[in-house]
Amino acid sequence: GTTNSCVAVLEGGEPKVIPNPEGGRTTPSVVAFKNEEKQVGEVAKRQAITNPNTIISVKRHMGTSHKIEAEGKEYTPQEISAMILQYIKGYAEDYLGEKVEKAVITVPA
């Protein structure tokens, strides 16, 4: 979704949502930069009010020429979305105990 992201796997023919590192079923689609360190998900969302380098609702700008600036660097919506996908891929791989090489990505209407 535009606000949250979720990852699931088929187990025994049934979809199972993989919990994020905080145990939630969904991960906020939020990326923050602080002292050149990248934060994604719940951690990024929690400090959004106090950190002006927090990026939210980026998916609404996919496919446009919109640029996002954080800590003096410019990012495209696709780059920020890739950071979110890399993050959820990482915890999916931790859950599965193997590398994820293929995925189906759905986009809300």
C-alpha atoms as a PDB file:
ATOM      1  CA  GLY A   1       0.000   0.000   0.000  1.00  0.00           C
ATOM      2  CA  THR A   2       0.967   3.648  -0.003  1.00  0.00           C
ATOM      3  CA  THR A   3       1.189   3.766   3.792  1.00  0.00           C
ATOM      4  CA  ASN A   4       2.415   0.294   4.704  1.00  0.00           C
ATOM      5  CA  SER A   5       4.173  -2.646   3.089  1.00  0.00           C
ATOM      6  CA  CYS A   6       3.705  -6.335   3.753  1.00  0.00           C
ATOM      7  CA  VAL A   7       5.444  -9.545   2.726  1.00  0.00           C
ATOM      8  CA  ALA A   8       3.971 -13.041   2.653  1.00  0.00           C
ATOM      9  CA  VAL A   9       4.983 -16.529   1.615  1.00  0.00           C
ATOM     10  CA  LEU A  10       3.010 -19.615   0.631  1.00  0.00           C
ATOM     11  CA  GLU A  11       3.266 -22.262   3.334  1.00  0.00           C
ATOM     12  CA  GLY A  12       1.377 -25.462   2.685  1.00  0.00           C
ATOM     13  CA  GLY A  13      -0.507 -23.746  -0.119  1.00  0.00           C
ATOM     14  CA  GLU A  14      -1.726 -20.964   2.193  1.00  0.00           C
ATOM     15  CA  PRO A  15      -0.424 -17.394   2.334  1.00  0.00           C
ATOM     16  CA  LYS A  16       1.344 -16.495   5.578  1.00  0.00           C
ATOM     17  CA  VAL A  17       2.324 -12.939   6.391  1.00  0.00           C
ATOM     18  CA  ILE A  18       5.932 -12.719   7.545  1.00  0.00           C
ATOM     19  CA  PRO A  19       6.183 -10.515  10.636  1.00  0.00           C
ATOM     20  CA  ASN A  20       8.571  -7.577  10.580  1.00  0.00           C
ATOM     21  CA  PRO A  21      11.387  -7.341  13.158  1.00  0.00           C
ATOM     22  CA  GLU A  22       8.984  -5.643  15.596  1.00  0.00           C
ATOM     23  CA  GLY A  23       6.469  -8.493  15.203  1.00  0.00           C
ATOM     24  CA  GLY A  24       3.947  -6.530  13.120  1.00  0.00           C
ATOM     25  CA  ARG A  25       2.117  -7.795  10.062  1.00  0.00           C
ATOM     26  CA  THR A  26       2.727  -4.563   8.163  1.00  0.00           C
ATOM     27  CA  THR A  27       5.736  -2.275   7.935  1.00  0.00           C
ATOM     28  CA  PRO A  28       5.346   1.486   7.566  1.00  0.00           C
ATOM     29  CA  SER A  29       6.551   2.561   4.116  1.00  0.00           C
ATOM     30  CA  VAL A  30       8.792   5.184   5.691  1.00  0.00           C
ATOM     31  CA  VAL A  31      12.501   5.873   5.195  1.00  0.00           C
ATOM     32  CA  ALA A  32      14.540   8.260   7.324  1.00  0.00           C
ATOM     33  CA  PHE A  33      18.118   9.445   7.149  1.00  0.00           C
ATOM     34  CA  LYS A  34      20.015  10.514  10.238  1.00  0.00           C
ATOM     35  CA  ASN A  35      23.757  11.186  10.294  1.00  0.00           C
ATOM     36  CA  GLU A  36      24.063   9.385   6.939  1.00  0.00           C
ATOM     37  CA  GLU A  37      22.417   6.283   8.411  1.00  0.00           C
ATOM     38  CA  LYS A  38      19.276   4.893   6.773  1.00  0.00           C
ATOM     39  CA  GLN A  39      16.298   3.764   8.850  1.00  0.00           C
ATOM     40  CA  VAL A  40      13.268   1.974   7.418  1.00  0.00           C
ATOM     41  CA  GLY A  41       9.868   0.992   8.784  1.00  0.00           C
ATOM     42  CA  GLU A  42       8.783   1.361  12.410  1.00  0.00           C
ATOM     43  CA  VAL A  43      12.084   2.907  13.508  1.00  0.00           C
ATOM     44  CA  ALA A  44      11.838   5.566  10.794  1.00  0.00           C
ATOM     45  CA  LYS A  45       8.169   6.262  11.532  1.00  0.00           C
ATOM     46  CA  ARG A  46       8.744   6.701  15.287  1.00  0.00           C
ATOM     47  CA  GLN A  47      11.127   9.600  14.777  1.00  0.00           C
ATOM     48  CA  ALA A  48       9.308  11.192  11.818  1.00  0.00           C
ATOM     49  CA  ILE A  49       8.056  14.199  13.801  1.00  0.00           C
ATOM     50  CA  THR A  50      11.517  15.166  15.027  1.00  0.00           C
ATOM     51  CA  ASN A  51      13.535  14.274  11.912  1.00  0.00           C
ATOM     52  CA  PRO A  52      12.963  16.451   8.825  1.00  0.00           C
ATOM     53  CA  ASN A  53      14.857  13.866   6.742  1.00  0.00           C
ATOM     54  CA  THR A  54      11.979  11.392   7.005  1.00  0.00           C
ATOM     55  CA  ILE A  55      10.253  10.358   3.782  1.00  0.00           C
ATOM     56  CA  ILE A  56       6.622   9.223   3.851  1.00  0.00           C
ATOM     57  CA  SER A  57       3.979   8.625   1.152  1.00  0.00           C
ATOM     58  CA  VAL A  58       6.649   8.276  -1.541  1.00  0.00           C
ATOM     59  CA  LYS A  59       4.720   5.653  -3.492  1.00  0.00           C
ATOM     60  CA  ARG A  60       2.270   8.330  -4.659  1.00  0.00           C
ATOM     61  CA  HIS A  61       5.106   9.865  -6.691  1.00  0.00           C
ATOM     62  CA  MET A  62       6.228   6.694  -8.489  1.00  0.00           C
ATOM     63  CA  GLY A  63       6.674   7.227 -12.214  1.00  0.00           C
ATOM     64  CA  THR A  64       7.003  11.001 -11.902  1.00  0.00           C
ATOM     65  CA  SER A  65      10.038  13.257 -12.038  1.00  0.00           C
ATOM     66  CA  HIS A  66       9.525  14.141  -8.356  1.00  0.00           C
ATOM     67  CA  LYS A  67      12.778  14.259  -6.346  1.00  0.00           C
ATOM     68  CA  ILE A  68      13.123  13.902  -2.592  1.00  0.00           C
ATOM     69  CA  GLU A  69      15.959  15.589  -0.735  1.00  0.00           C
ATOM     70  CA  ALA A  70      17.346  14.213   2.507  1.00  0.00           C
ATOM     71  CA  GLU A  71      20.613  15.204   4.161  1.00  0.00           C
ATOM     72  CA  GLY A  72      21.720  17.074   1.048  1.00  0.00           C
ATOM     73  CA  LYS A  73      21.178  14.164  -1.365  1.00  0.00           C
ATOM     74  CA  GLU A  74      18.410  13.759  -3.929  1.00  0.00           C
ATOM     75  CA  TYR A  75      16.468  10.527  -4.332  1.00  0.00           C
ATOM     76  CA  THR A  76      13.812   9.408  -6.784  1.00  0.00           C
ATOM     77  CA  PRO A  77      10.607   7.782  -5.516  1.00  0.00           C
ATOM     78  CA  GLN A  78      11.861   4.556  -7.089  1.00  0.00           C
ATOM     79  CA  GLU A  79      15.083   4.677  -5.053  1.00  0.00           C
ATOM     80  CA  ILE A  80      13.176   5.197  -1.800  1.00  0.00           C
ATOM     81  CA  SER A  81      10.721   2.421  -2.697  1.00  0.00           C
ATOM     82  CA  ALA A  82      13.681   0.137  -3.432  1.00  0.00           C
ATOM     83  CA  MET A  83      14.997   0.801   0.087  1.00  0.00           C
ATOM     84  CA  ILE A  84      11.653  -0.318   1.524  1.00  0.00           C
ATOM     85  CA  LEU A  85      11.642  -3.434  -0.672  1.00  0.00           C
ATOM     86  CA  GLN A  86      15.238  -4.260   0.320  1.00  0.00           C
ATOM     87  CA  TYR A  87      14.268  -3.978   3.977  1.00  0.00           C
ATOM     88  CA  ILE A  88      11.242  -6.284   3.758  1.00  0.00           C
ATOM     89  CA  LYS A  89      13.213  -8.697   1.549  1.00  0.00           C
ATOM     90  CA  GLY A  90      15.861  -8.826   4.271  1.00  0.00           C
ATOM     91  CA  TYR A  91      13.512  -9.845   7.036  1.00  0.00           C
ATOM     92  CA  ALA A  92      11.731 -12.281   4.709  1.00  0.00           C
ATOM     93  CA  GLU A  93      15.091 -13.957   4.056  1.00  0.00           C
ATOM     94  CA  ASP A  94      15.791 -14.079   7.791  1.00  0.00           C
ATOM     95  CA  TYR A  95      12.407 -15.740   8.357  1.00  0.00           C
ATOM     96  CA  LEU A  96      12.824 -18.225   5.513  1.00  0.00           C
ATOM     97  CA  GLY A  97      16.494 -18.946   6.138  1.00  0.00           C
ATOM     98  CA  GLU A  98      17.244 -18.637   2.445  1.00  0.00           C
ATOM     99  CA  LYS A  99      17.780 -16.015  -0.230  1.00  0.00           C
ATOM    100  CA  VAL A 100      14.690 -14.596  -1.935  1.00  0.00           C
ATOM    101  CA  GLU A 101      15.260 -14.423  -5.681  1.00  0.00           C
ATOM    102  CA  LYS A 102      11.711 -14.021  -7.019  1.00  0.00           C
ATOM    103  CA  ALA A 103       8.699 -12.077  -5.821  1.00  0.00           C
ATOM    104  CA  VAL A 104       5.285 -10.891  -6.887  1.00  0.00           C
ATOM    105  CA  ILE A 105       4.814  -7.210  -6.119  1.00  0.00           C
ATOM    106  CA  THR A 106       1.286  -5.842  -6.006  1.00  0.00           C
ATOM    107  CA  VAL A 107       0.433  -2.177  -6.282  1.00  0.00           C
ATOM    108  CA  PRO A 108      -2.808  -0.698  -4.975  1.00  0.00           C
ATOM    109  CA  ALA A 109      -5.154   0.989  -7.436  1.00  0.00           C
END
